[in-house]
Each structure stands twice: as C-alpha cells, then as structure tokens.
C-alpha cells in the first residue's frame, strides 16, 4: 500500500505513484512519470524544480502533514531550506500542513525553531490563508491563538 495520500487515479493518473517516488527519492521514476505530461504535474512542480529538490520538498511536507517528527527532523537536517519551501502551486508549507491537519505543537515548534515563517500564506492566488487561519480551519483555536501570540511577539521585537 502507498505511503502517500491516495488520489482518484482516473482524475489524476499516477499522482500517488509520483508522490511515493518523491518519498523514496526515486528520481528516475519521478522523471519518467513527469515526462508523461499529466495535467496535474504542473501543479505539483510549478517552479520546475529539479527532482532532487522536489523530492526533499515533498518529504518535508508529508512528514509534517502526518506528524512524523523523526523523519521530518532527518529531512530538515539534510535540507534546512525545506521549512519554507512551498509545495504545489498552492504553496503548501510544512507548517501549514501541520497546523491544518493535526496541530501537534511539537512538530510546529520544531519547524519554528528551524526558521519556518508563520506569517506566510498558502492557497490558490484568489483564496490565500495564513498559517493561523489554517490552524482554525483544522479546528484548533488554541493552536491558532498560540501562533498569533508568536507572530505578535516577533513583530514587537
């Protein structure tokens, strides 16, 4: 069974396989799938990142999304830039993934310690949301309030 989220394979052929290849750092498979010009690929890699960078970006996103702190630490230790590297055309970030899905403060604290910017926003150009709003979307008002305090303290400094 796939590690990554399952997608409607009729609508998005091979998207799950592509994301699994990202998790496995299987750059050849990523290139083979990308070369098929699936309509979803432009959304997955809007900035035409090299496969190595795209894989690391997705790994940070995925591990933040599922709350796998040990794996996230491994990726960020090797690639510190991933904490603020957007994924997909919607610009998902590891901190937005964590805030919107599980709100595990330990994961979010780690990302902040590594330089994640809690003031960035994500989403489509016509529907952007802040990290605080993503926490509220995830029904975690305590997390949203905590993030607001962190942002206000940083602004006051």
C-alpha atoms as a PDB file:
ATOM      1  CA  UNK A   1       0.000   0.000   0.000  1.00  0.00           C
ATOM      2  CA  UNK A   2       1.130   3.512  -0.778  1.00  0.00           C
ATOM      3  CA  UNK A   3       2.629   5.705   1.936  1.00  0.00           C
ATOM      4  CA  UNK A   4       1.258   8.911   0.486  1.00  0.00           C
ATOM      5  CA  UNK A   5      -2.322  10.016   0.170  1.00  0.00           C
ATOM      6  CA  UNK A   6      -4.371   8.082  -2.308  1.00  0.00           C
ATOM      7  CA  UNK A   7      -5.890  10.083  -5.127  1.00  0.00           C
ATOM      8  CA  UNK A   8      -8.565   9.435  -7.684  1.00  0.00           C
ATOM      9  CA  UNK A   9      -6.309   7.729 -10.213  1.00  0.00           C
ATOM     10  CA  UNK A  10      -8.826   8.264 -13.017  1.00  0.00           C
ATOM     11  CA  UNK A  11      -8.757  12.005 -12.472  1.00  0.00           C
ATOM     12  CA  UNK A  12      -5.043  12.196 -11.575  1.00  0.00           C
ATOM     13  CA  UNK A  13      -3.292   9.217 -13.178  1.00  0.00           C
ATOM     14  CA  UNK A  14      -0.085   8.253 -11.423  1.00  0.00           C
ATOM     15  CA  UNK A  15      -0.159  11.094  -8.876  1.00  0.00           C
ATOM     16  CA  UNK A  16       0.104   8.681  -5.956  1.00  0.00           C
ATOM     17  CA  UNK A  17       2.971   6.857  -7.678  1.00  0.00           C
ATOM     18  CA  UNK A  18       4.725  10.184  -8.282  1.00  0.00           C
ATOM     19  CA  UNK A  19       4.394  11.215  -4.648  1.00  0.00           C
ATOM     20  CA  UNK A  20       5.539   7.781  -3.491  1.00  0.00           C
ATOM     21  CA  UNK A  21       8.580   8.174  -5.744  1.00  0.00           C
ATOM     22  CA  UNK A  22       9.224  11.541  -4.057  1.00  0.00           C
ATOM     23  CA  UNK A  23       9.137   9.865  -0.636  1.00  0.00           C
ATOM     24  CA  UNK A  24      11.544   7.184  -1.855  1.00  0.00           C
ATOM     25  CA  UNK A  25      13.851   9.725  -3.545  1.00  0.00           C
ATOM     26  CA  UNK A  26      13.405   7.683  -6.729  1.00  0.00           C
ATOM     27  CA  UNK A  27      14.344  10.486  -9.132  1.00  0.00           C
ATOM     28  CA  UNK A  28      14.313   8.253 -12.215  1.00  0.00           C
ATOM     29  CA  UNK A  29      10.726   7.184 -11.549  1.00  0.00           C
ATOM     30  CA  UNK A  30       9.754  10.805 -10.841  1.00  0.00           C
ATOM     31  CA  UNK A  31      11.264  11.842 -14.188  1.00  0.00           C
ATOM     32  CA  UNK A  32       9.512   9.002 -16.052  1.00  0.00           C
ATOM     33  CA  UNK A  33       6.128   9.954 -14.610  1.00  0.00           C
ATOM     34  CA  UNK A  34       6.697  13.696 -15.139  1.00  0.00           C
ATOM     35  CA  UNK A  35       7.650  13.040 -18.766  1.00  0.00           C
ATOM     36  CA  UNK A  36       4.144  11.693 -19.400  1.00  0.00           C
ATOM     37  CA  UNK A  37       2.850  15.280 -19.130  1.00  0.00           C
ATOM     38  CA  UNK A  38      -0.071  14.534 -16.838  1.00  0.00           C
ATOM     39  CA  UNK A  39      -2.199  17.639 -16.381  1.00  0.00           C
ATOM     40  CA  UNK A  40      -1.573  17.562 -12.612  1.00  0.00           C
ATOM     41  CA  UNK A  41       2.215  17.742 -12.916  1.00  0.00           C
ATOM     42  CA  UNK A  42       2.316  21.498 -13.451  1.00  0.00           C
ATOM     43  CA  UNK A  43       0.516  21.920 -10.112  1.00  0.00           C
ATOM     44  CA  UNK A  44       2.952  19.548  -8.382  1.00  0.00           C
ATOM     45  CA  UNK A  45       6.032  21.362  -9.672  1.00  0.00           C
ATOM     46  CA  UNK A  46       5.024  24.883 -10.794  1.00  0.00           C
ATOM     47  CA  UNK A  47       8.569  26.237 -10.436  1.00  0.00           C
ATOM     48  CA  UNK A  48      10.121  23.373 -12.391  1.00  0.00           C
ATOM     49  CA  UNK A  49      12.377  22.334  -9.514  1.00  0.00           C
ATOM     50  CA  UNK A  50      14.945  19.603 -10.102  1.00  0.00           C
ATOM     51  CA  UNK A  51      13.630  16.219  -8.979  1.00  0.00           C
ATOM     52  CA  UNK A  52      16.084  16.032  -6.060  1.00  0.00           C
ATOM     53  CA  UNK A  53      14.803  19.321  -4.653  1.00  0.00           C
ATOM     54  CA  UNK A  54      11.165  18.446  -5.367  1.00  0.00           C
ATOM     55  CA  UNK A  55      11.510  15.120  -3.551  1.00  0.00           C
ATOM     56  CA  UNK A  56      13.012  16.771  -0.457  1.00  0.00           C
ATOM     57  CA  UNK A  57      10.288  19.412  -0.517  1.00  0.00           C
ATOM     58  CA  UNK A  58       7.543  16.799  -0.658  1.00  0.00           C
ATOM     59  CA  UNK A  59       9.178  14.727   2.078  1.00  0.00           C
ATOM     60  CA  UNK A  60       9.172  17.707   4.468  1.00  0.00           C
ATOM     61  CA  UNK A  61       5.535  18.404   3.577  1.00  0.00           C
ATOM     62  CA  UNK A  62       4.453  14.802   4.027  1.00  0.00           C
ATOM     63  CA  UNK A  63       6.212  14.215   7.335  1.00  0.00           C
ATOM     64  CA  UNK A  64       4.817  17.488   8.721  1.00  0.00           C
ATOM     65  CA  UNK A  65       1.344  16.507   7.461  1.00  0.00           C
ATOM     66  CA  UNK A  66       1.357  13.121   9.197  1.00  0.00           C
ATOM     67  CA  UNK A  67       3.215  14.351  12.301  1.00  0.00           C
ATOM     68  CA  UNK A  68       6.284  12.140  11.803  1.00  0.00           C
ATOM     69  CA  UNK A  69       8.731  14.337  13.713  1.00  0.00           C
ATOM     70  CA  UNK A  70      11.713  11.976  13.464  1.00  0.00           C
ATOM     71  CA  UNK A  71      11.506  11.755   9.678  1.00  0.00           C
ATOM     72  CA  UNK A  72      10.859  15.499   9.420  1.00  0.00           C
ATOM     73  CA  UNK A  73      13.978  16.191  11.505  1.00  0.00           C
ATOM     74  CA  UNK A  74      16.028  13.975   9.210  1.00  0.00           C
ATOM     75  CA  UNK A  75      14.855  15.817   6.080  1.00  0.00           C
ATOM     76  CA  UNK A  76      15.298  19.285   7.593  1.00  0.00           C
ATOM     77  CA  UNK A  77      18.769  18.406   8.931  1.00  0.00           C
ATOM     78  CA  UNK A  78      19.826  17.456   5.393  1.00  0.00           C
ATOM     79  CA  UNK A  79      17.853  20.237   3.655  1.00  0.00           C
ATOM     80  CA  UNK A  80      17.131  23.155   6.020  1.00  0.00           C
ATOM     81  CA  UNK A  81      15.610  25.205   3.194  1.00  0.00           C
ATOM     82  CA  UNK A  82      12.611  22.845   3.111  1.00  0.00           C
ATOM     83  CA  UNK A  83      10.955  24.534   6.114  1.00  0.00           C
ATOM     84  CA  UNK A  84       9.853  27.466   3.918  1.00  0.00           C
ATOM     85  CA  UNK A  85       9.872  25.798   0.505  1.00  0.00           C
ATOM     86  CA  UNK A  86       6.369  25.785  -0.971  1.00  0.00           C
ATOM     87  CA  UNK A  87       4.882  22.612  -2.420  1.00  0.00           C
ATOM     88  CA  UNK A  88       2.452  22.731  -5.334  1.00  0.00           C
ATOM     89  CA  UNK A  89       1.021  25.788  -6.994  1.00  0.00           C
ATOM     90  CA  UNK A  90      -0.946  26.438  -3.791  1.00  0.00           C
ATOM     91  CA  UNK A  91       2.318  26.921  -1.906  1.00  0.00           C
ATOM     92  CA  UNK A  92       1.737  24.431   0.896  1.00  0.00           C
ATOM     93  CA  UNK A  93       4.389  24.598   3.597  1.00  0.00           C
ATOM     94  CA  UNK A  94       5.334  22.058   6.255  1.00  0.00           C
ATOM     95  CA  UNK A  95       3.964  24.376   8.963  1.00  0.00           C
ATOM     96  CA  UNK A  96       0.665  24.881   7.124  1.00  0.00           C
ATOM     97  CA  UNK A  97       0.330  21.120   6.690  1.00  0.00           C
ATOM     98  CA  UNK A  98       0.903  20.516  10.399  1.00  0.00           C
ATOM     99  CA  UNK A  99      -1.343  23.379  11.531  1.00  0.00           C
ATOM    100  CA  UNK A 100      -4.269  22.371   9.340  1.00  0.00           C
ATOM    101  CA  UNK A 101      -4.254  18.626   9.968  1.00  0.00           C
ATOM    102  CA  UNK A 102      -3.099  17.598  13.422  1.00  0.00           C
ATOM    103  CA  UNK A 103      -1.805  20.699  15.207  1.00  0.00           C
ATOM    104  CA  UNK A 104       0.914  18.782  17.041  1.00  0.00           C
ATOM    105  CA  UNK A 105       2.678  21.616  18.768  1.00  0.00           C
ATOM    106  CA  UNK A 106       5.946  19.685  18.973  1.00  0.00           C
ATOM    107  CA  UNK A 107       6.108  19.480  15.166  1.00  0.00           C
ATOM    108  CA  UNK A 108       5.198  23.136  14.785  1.00  0.00           C
ATOM    109  CA  UNK A 109       7.666  24.243  17.482  1.00  0.00           C
ATOM    110  CA  UNK A 110      10.398  22.305  15.704  1.00  0.00           C
ATOM    111  CA  UNK A 111       9.576  23.963  12.383  1.00  0.00           C
ATOM    112  CA  UNK A 112       9.581  27.400  14.022  1.00  0.00           C
ATOM    113  CA  UNK A 113      12.949  26.665  15.674  1.00  0.00           C
ATOM    114  CA  UNK A 114      14.275  25.771  12.216  1.00  0.00           C
ATOM    115  CA  UNK A 115      13.122  29.074  10.744  1.00  0.00           C
ATOM    116  CA  UNK A 116       9.621  28.338   9.454  1.00  0.00           C
ATOM    117  CA  UNK A 117       7.859  31.632   8.827  1.00  0.00           C
ATOM    118  CA  UNK A 118       4.415  31.604  10.493  1.00  0.00           C
ATOM    119  CA  UNK A 119       3.392  34.760   8.596  1.00  0.00           C
ATOM    120  CA  UNK A 120       3.419  33.122   5.171  1.00  0.00           C
ATOM    121  CA  UNK A 121       0.140  32.264   3.499  1.00  0.00           C
ATOM    122  CA  UNK A 122      -0.886  29.351   1.325  1.00  0.00           C
ATOM    123  CA  UNK A 123      -3.606  28.521  -1.151  1.00  0.00           C
ATOM    124  CA  UNK A 124      -4.592  29.480  -4.635  1.00  0.00           C
ATOM    125  CA  UNK A 125      -3.934  33.095  -5.640  1.00  0.00           C
ATOM    126  CA  UNK A 126      -7.597  34.014  -5.215  1.00  0.00           C
ATOM    127  CA  UNK A 127      -8.036  32.178  -1.903  1.00  0.00           C
ATOM    128  CA  UNK A 128      -4.982  32.614   0.349  1.00  0.00           C
ATOM    129  CA  UNK A 129      -4.931  31.651   4.035  1.00  0.00           C
ATOM    130  CA  UNK A 130      -2.438  32.378   6.798  1.00  0.00           C
ATOM    131  CA  UNK A 131      -0.963  29.677   8.987  1.00  0.00           C
ATOM    132  CA  UNK A 132      -3.190  30.941  11.818  1.00  0.00           C
ATOM    133  CA  UNK A 133      -6.229  30.584   9.577  1.00  0.00           C
ATOM    134  CA  UNK A 134      -5.085  27.082   8.621  1.00  0.00           C
ATOM    135  CA  UNK A 135      -4.975  26.146  12.319  1.00  0.00           C
ATOM    136  CA  UNK A 136      -8.519  27.483  12.725  1.00  0.00           C
ATOM    137  CA  UNK A 137      -9.536  25.551   9.605  1.00  0.00           C
ATOM    138  CA  UNK A 138      -8.139  22.473  11.345  1.00  0.00           C
ATOM    139  CA  UNK A 139     -10.449  23.331  14.275  1.00  0.00           C
ATOM    140  CA  UNK A 140      -7.561  24.097  16.637  1.00  0.00           C
ATOM    141  CA  UNK A 141      -8.302  27.520  18.086  1.00  0.00           C
ATOM    142  CA  UNK A 142      -5.745  27.050  20.887  1.00  0.00           C
ATOM    143  CA  UNK A 143      -3.020  26.471  18.303  1.00  0.00           C
ATOM    144  CA  UNK A 144      -4.208  29.450  16.261  1.00  0.00           C
ATOM    145  CA  UNK A 145      -4.138  31.693  19.344  1.00  0.00           C
ATOM    146  CA  UNK A 146      -0.660  30.442  20.250  1.00  0.00           C
ATOM    147  CA  UNK A 147       0.613  31.116  16.722  1.00  0.00           C
ATOM    148  CA  UNK A 148      -0.910  34.607  16.805  1.00  0.00           C
ATOM    149  CA  UNK A 149       0.971  35.319  20.053  1.00  0.00           C
ATOM    150  CA  UNK A 150       4.232  34.115  18.493  1.00  0.00           C
ATOM    151  CA  UNK A 151       3.717  36.329  15.450  1.00  0.00           C
ATOM    152  CA  UNK A 152       2.815  39.345  17.612  1.00  0.00           C
ATOM    153  CA  UNK A 153       5.895  38.791  19.816  1.00  0.00           C
ATOM    154  CA  UNK A 154       8.119  38.611  16.729  1.00  0.00           C
ATOM    155  CA  UNK A 155       6.536  41.776  15.322  1.00  0.00           C
ATOM    156  CA  UNK A 156       7.109  43.583  18.628  1.00  0.00           C
ATOM    157  CA  UNK A 157      10.815  42.624  18.660  1.00  0.00           C
END
